[in-house]
PDB file of N, CA and C in Angstrom:
ATOM      1  N   MET A   1      66.156 124.437  82.450  1.00  0.00           N
ATOM      2  CA  MET A   1      66.188 123.324  81.540  1.00  0.00           C
ATOM      3  C   MET A   1      66.443 122.063  82.345  1.00  0.00           C
ATOM      4  N   SER A   2      65.674 121.037  82.102  1.00  0.00           N
ATOM      5  CA  SER A   2      65.851 119.780  82.814  1.00  0.00           C
ATOM      6  C   SER A   2      66.380 118.715  81.865  1.00  0.00           C
ATOM      7  N   LEU A   3      66.919 117.666  82.443  1.00  0.00           N
ATOM      8  CA  LEU A   3      67.439 116.584  81.615  1.00  0.00           C
ATOM      9  C   LEU A   3      66.336 115.924  80.796  1.00  0.00           C
ATOM     10  N   SER A   4      65.128 115.892  81.345  1.00  0.00           N
ATOM     11  CA  SER A   4      64.029 115.246  80.623  1.00  0.00           C
ATOM     12  C   SER A   4      63.633 116.023  79.374  1.00  0.00           C
ATOM     13  N   SER A   5      63.984 117.292  79.314  1.00  0.00           N
ATOM     14  CA  SER A   5      63.641 118.083  78.132  1.00  0.00           C
ATOM     15  C   SER A   5      64.669 117.933  77.015  1.00  0.00           C
ATOM     16  N   CYS A   6      65.804 117.312  77.305  1.00  0.00           N
ATOM     17  CA  CYS A   6      66.845 117.121  76.308  1.00  0.00           C
ATOM     18  C   CYS A   6      66.579 115.853  75.503  1.00  0.00           C
ATOM     19  N   GLN A   7      66.743 115.957  74.218  1.00  0.00           N
ATOM     20  CA  GLN A   7      66.618 114.782  73.370  1.00  0.00           C
ATOM     21  C   GLN A   7      67.943 114.032  73.375  1.00  0.00           C
ATOM     22  N   HIS A   8      67.838 112.713  73.214  1.00  0.00           N
ATOM     23  CA  HIS A   8      69.060 111.917  73.146  1.00  0.00           C
ATOM     24  C   HIS A   8      69.746 112.186  71.813  1.00  0.00           C
ATOM     25  N   VAL A   9      71.001 112.564  71.894  1.00  0.00           N
ATOM     26  CA  VAL A   9      71.785 112.817  70.694  1.00  0.00           C
ATOM     27  C   VAL A   9      72.894 111.778  70.663  1.00  0.00           C
ATOM     28  N   PRO A  10      72.974 110.957  69.604  1.00  0.00           N
ATOM     29  CA  PRO A  10      74.033 109.951  69.550  1.00  0.00           C
ATOM     30  C   PRO A  10      75.404 110.617  69.476  1.00  0.00           C
ATOM     31  N   PRO A  11      76.415 109.973  70.046  1.00  0.00           N
ATOM     32  CA  PRO A  11      77.748 110.566  69.992  1.00  0.00           C
ATOM     33  C   PRO A  11      78.245 110.627  68.556  1.00  0.00           C
ATOM     34  N   PRO A  12      79.088 111.593  68.243  1.00  0.00           N
ATOM     35  CA  PRO A  12      79.615 111.689  66.882  1.00  0.00           C
ATOM     36  C   PRO A  12      80.502 110.489  66.563  1.00  0.00           C
ATOM     37  N   VAL A  13      80.561 110.105  65.318  1.00  0.00           N
ATOM     38  CA  VAL A  13      81.439 109.025  64.906  1.00  0.00           C
ATOM     39  C   VAL A  13      82.873 109.534  64.971  1.00  0.00           C
ATOM     40  N   ASP A  14      83.710 108.800  65.656  1.00  0.00           N
ATOM     41  CA  ASP A  14      85.092 109.215  65.839  1.00  0.00           C
ATOM     42  C   ASP A  14      85.951 108.606  64.738  1.00  0.00           C
ATOM     43  N   SER A  15      86.406 109.428  63.827  1.00  0.00           N
ATOM     44  CA  SER A  15      87.206 108.916  62.718  1.00  0.00           C
ATOM     45  C   SER A  15      88.536 108.336  63.203  1.00  0.00           C
ATOM     46  N   PHE A  16      89.058 108.815  64.322  1.00  0.00           N
ATOM     47  CA  PHE A  16      90.298 108.263  64.871  1.00  0.00           C
ATOM     48  C   PHE A  16      90.140 106.766  65.100  1.00  0.00           C
ATOM     49  N   CYS A  17      89.019 106.370  65.713  1.00  0.00           N
ATOM     50  CA  CYS A  17      88.782 104.956  66.008  1.00  0.00           C
ATOM     51  C   CYS A  17      88.600 104.146  64.730  1.00  0.00           C
ATOM     52  N   GLN A  18      88.083 104.764  63.704  1.00  0.00           N
ATOM     53  CA  GLN A  18      87.841 104.050  62.462  1.00  0.00           C
ATOM     54  C   GLN A  18      89.113 103.846  61.645  1.00  0.00           C
ATOM     55  N   ILE A  19      90.044 104.783  61.705  1.00  0.00           N
ATOM     56  CA  ILE A  19      91.201 104.694  60.821  1.00  0.00           C
ATOM     57  C   ILE A  19      92.504 104.345  61.527  1.00  0.00           C
ATOM     58  N   TYR A  20      92.545 104.382  62.844  1.00  0.00           N
ATOM     59  CA  TYR A  20      93.800 104.127  63.551  1.00  0.00           C
ATOM     60  C   TYR A  20      94.189 102.659  63.450  1.00  0.00           C
ATOM     61  N   ASN A  21      95.425 102.397  63.104  1.00  0.00           N
ATOM     62  CA  ASN A  21      95.978 101.044  63.087  1.00  0.00           C
ATOM     63  C   ASN A  21      96.946 100.925  64.253  1.00  0.00           C
ATOM     64  N   PRO A  22      96.628 100.072  65.246  1.00  0.00           N
ATOM     65  CA  PRO A  22      97.520  99.934  66.393  1.00  0.00           C
ATOM     66  C   PRO A  22      98.941  99.575  65.966  1.00  0.00           C
ATOM     67  N   VAL A  23      99.901 100.203  66.611  1.00  0.00           N
ATOM     68  CA  VAL A  23     101.312  99.963  66.320  1.00  0.00           C
ATOM     69  C   VAL A  23     101.832  98.855  67.230  1.00  0.00           C
ATOM     70  N   VAL A  24     101.439  98.899  68.491  1.00  0.00           N
ATOM     71  CA  VAL A  24     101.866  97.898  69.463  1.00  0.00           C
ATOM     72  C   VAL A  24     100.785  96.814  69.488  1.00  0.00           C
ATOM     73  N   VAL A  25     101.059  95.707  68.779  1.00  0.00           N
ATOM     74  CA  VAL A  25     100.063  94.639  68.694  1.00  0.00           C
ATOM     75  C   VAL A  25     100.524  93.349  69.355  1.00  0.00           C
ATOM     76  N   GLN A  26     101.811  93.244  69.641  1.00  0.00           N
ATOM     77  CA  GLN A  26     102.301  92.051  70.326  1.00  0.00           C
ATOM     78  C   GLN A  26     103.484  92.415  71.211  1.00  0.00           C
ATOM     79  N   LYS A  27     103.830  91.502  72.116  1.00  0.00           N
ATOM     80  CA  LYS A  27     104.933  91.732  73.031  1.00  0.00           C
ATOM     81  C   LYS A  27     106.213  92.009  72.232  1.00  0.00           C
ATOM     82  N   GLY A  28     106.930  93.031  72.618  1.00  0.00           N
ATOM     83  CA  GLY A  28     108.173  93.404  71.948  1.00  0.00           C
ATOM     84  C   GLY A  28     108.015  94.574  70.997  1.00  0.00           C
ATOM     85  N   ASP A  29     106.783  94.861  70.582  1.00  0.00           N
ATOM     86  CA  ASP A  29     106.556  95.986  69.673  1.00  0.00           C
ATOM     87  C   ASP A  29     106.861  97.325  70.329  1.00  0.00           C
ATOM     88  N   GLY A  30     106.862  97.355  71.636  1.00  0.00           N
ATOM     89  CA  GLY A  30     107.130  98.594  72.347  1.00  0.00           C
ATOM     90  C   GLY A  30     108.587  99.029  72.271  1.00  0.00           C
ATOM     91  N   SER A  31     109.447  98.152  71.766  1.00  0.00           N
ATOM     92  CA  SER A  31     110.868  98.485  71.678  1.00  0.00           C
ATOM     93  C   SER A  31     111.215  99.076  70.311  1.00  0.00           C
ATOM     94  N   ILE A  32     110.283  99.757  69.707  1.00  0.00           N
ATOM     95  CA  ILE A  32     110.480 100.394  68.404  1.00  0.00           C
ATOM     96  C   ILE A  32     111.624 101.401  68.478  1.00  0.00           C
ATOM     97  N   ALA A  33     112.439 101.444  67.430  1.00  0.00           N
ATOM     98  CA  ALA A  33     113.547 102.398  67.375  1.00  0.00           C
ATOM     99  C   ALA A  33     113.036 103.699  66.758  1.00  0.00           C
ATOM    100  N   ALA A  34     112.938 104.734  67.581  1.00  0.00           N
ATOM    101  CA  ALA A  34     112.457 106.036  67.116  1.00  0.00           C
ATOM    102  C   ALA A  34     112.909 107.096  68.103  1.00  0.00           C
ATOM    103  N   ALA A  35     112.810 108.334  67.675  1.00  0.00           N
ATOM    104  CA  ALA A  35     113.148 109.450  68.562  1.00  0.00           C
ATOM    105  C   ALA A  35     112.163 109.496  69.730  1.00  0.00           C
ATOM    106  N   SER A  36     112.581 110.078  70.813  1.00  0.00           N
ATOM    107  CA  SER A  36     111.764 110.153  72.026  1.00  0.00           C
ATOM    108  C   SER A  36     110.400 110.780  71.769  1.00  0.00           C
ATOM    109  N   GLY A  37     110.364 111.858  71.001  1.00  0.00           N
ATOM    110  CA  GLY A  37     109.086 112.530  70.712  1.00  0.00           C
ATOM    111  C   GLY A  37     108.141 111.647  69.918  1.00  0.00           C
ATOM    112  N   VAL A  38     108.688 110.875  68.984  1.00  0.00           N
ATOM    113  CA  VAL A  38     107.872 109.965  68.175  1.00  0.00           C
ATOM    114  C   VAL A  38     107.305 108.863  69.063  1.00  0.00           C
ATOM    115  N   LYS A  39     108.137 108.310  69.949  1.00  0.00           N
ATOM    116  CA  LYS A  39     107.679 107.269  70.863  1.00  0.00           C
ATOM    117  C   LYS A  39     106.555 107.784  71.759  1.00  0.00           C
ATOM    118  N   LYS A  40     106.668 109.016  72.209  1.00  0.00           N
ATOM    119  CA  LYS A  40     105.630 109.595  73.069  1.00  0.00           C
ATOM    120  C   LYS A  40     104.316 109.748  72.306  1.00  0.00           C
ATOM    121  N   ARG A  41     104.385 110.158  71.036  1.00  0.00           N
ATOM    122  CA  ARG A  41     103.163 110.291  70.225  1.00  0.00           C
ATOM    123  C   ARG A  41     102.532 108.934  69.953  1.00  0.00           C
ATOM    124  N   ILE A  42     103.370 107.925  69.688  1.00  0.00           N
ATOM    125  CA  ILE A  42     102.849 106.572  69.468  1.00  0.00           C
ATOM    126  C   ILE A  42     102.167 106.078  70.733  1.00  0.00           C
ATOM    127  N   LEU A  43     102.810 106.263  71.878  1.00  0.00           N
ATOM    128  CA  LEU A  43     102.227 105.833  73.150  1.00  0.00           C
ATOM    129  C   LEU A  43     100.908 106.551  73.412  1.00  0.00           C
ATOM    130  N   ALA A  44     100.868 107.846  73.181  1.00  0.00           N
ATOM    131  CA  ALA A  44      99.630 108.606  73.400  1.00  0.00           C
ATOM    132  C   ALA A  44      98.520 108.091  72.493  1.00  0.00           C
ATOM    133  N   ASN A  45      98.833 107.825  71.229  1.00  0.00           N
ATOM    134  CA  ASN A  45      97.828 107.302  70.305  1.00  0.00           C
ATOM    135  C   ASN A  45      97.361 105.919  70.723  1.00  0.00           C
ATOM    136  N   GLU A  46      98.284 105.054  71.161  1.00  0.00           N
ATOM    137  CA  GLU A  46      97.919 103.708  71.598  1.00  0.00           C
ATOM    138  C   GLU A  46      96.999 103.760  72.817  1.00  0.00           C
ATOM    139  N   LEU A  47      97.340 104.612  73.781  1.00  0.00           N
ATOM    140  CA  LEU A  47      96.520 104.713  74.985  1.00  0.00           C
ATOM    141  C   LEU A  47      95.138 105.284  74.667  1.00  0.00           C
ATOM    142  N   THR A  48      95.088 106.268  73.795  1.00  0.00           N
ATOM    143  CA  THR A  48      93.798 106.831  73.382  1.00  0.00           C
ATOM    144  C   THR A  48      92.964 105.768  72.695  1.00  0.00           C
ATOM    145  N   TYR A  49      93.573 104.999  71.798  1.00  0.00           N
ATOM    146  CA  TYR A  49      92.857 103.947  71.088  1.00  0.00           C
ATOM    147  C   TYR A  49      92.315 102.905  72.060  1.00  0.00           C
ATOM    148  N   ARG A  50      93.153 102.456  72.971  1.00  0.00           N
ATOM    149  CA  ARG A  50      92.731 101.426  73.931  1.00  0.00           C
ATOM    150  C   ARG A  50      91.622 101.929  74.847  1.00  0.00           C
ATOM    151  N   ASP A  51      91.710 103.190  75.235  1.00  0.00           N
ATOM    152  CA  ASP A  51      90.731 103.759  76.159  1.00  0.00           C
ATOM    153  C   ASP A  51      89.419 104.130  75.469  1.00  0.00           C
ATOM    154  N   GLN A  52      89.494 104.699  74.279  1.00  0.00           N
ATOM    155  CA  GLN A  52      88.302 105.249  73.638  1.00  0.00           C
ATOM    156  C   GLN A  52      87.685 104.342  72.559  1.00  0.00           C
ATOM    157  N   CYS A  53      88.476 103.450  71.983  1.00  0.00           N
ATOM    158  CA  CYS A  53      87.990 102.731  70.806  1.00  0.00           C
ATOM    159  C   CYS A  53      87.739 101.243  71.001  1.00  0.00           C
ATOM    160  N   LYS A  54      88.540 100.594  71.814  1.00  0.00           N
ATOM    161  CA  LYS A  54      88.377  99.157  71.978  1.00  0.00           C
ATOM    162  C   LYS A  54      87.184  98.853  72.865  1.00  0.00           C
ATOM    163  N   LYS A  55      86.369  97.942  72.418  1.00  0.00           N
ATOM    164  CA  LYS A  55      85.204  97.543  73.207  1.00  0.00           C
ATOM    165  C   LYS A  55      85.626  96.505  74.228  1.00  0.00           C
ATOM    166  N   PRO A  56      85.118  96.615  75.463  1.00  0.00           N
ATOM    167  CA  PRO A  56      85.466  95.634  76.475  1.00  0.00           C
ATOM    168  C   PRO A  56      84.952  94.243  76.090  1.00  0.00           C
ATOM    169  N   LYS A  57      85.740  93.239  76.427  1.00  0.00           N
ATOM    170  CA  LYS A  57      85.354  91.863  76.096  1.00  0.00           C
ATOM    171  C   LYS A  57      84.492  91.266  77.170  1.00  0.00           C
TER     172      LYS A  57
END
């Protein structure tokens, strides 16, 4: 099988990018009061959003 025989398939629509509301939107938002595990999940979601969803300017 060669690459030329493959049809272009558009990437699936990522619902995460469509529904995620960034938590850290301005300086100081990172000092949220929460348990360590919650902070880690928020950070992971923020990094995923910034990496996968935001379009470069």
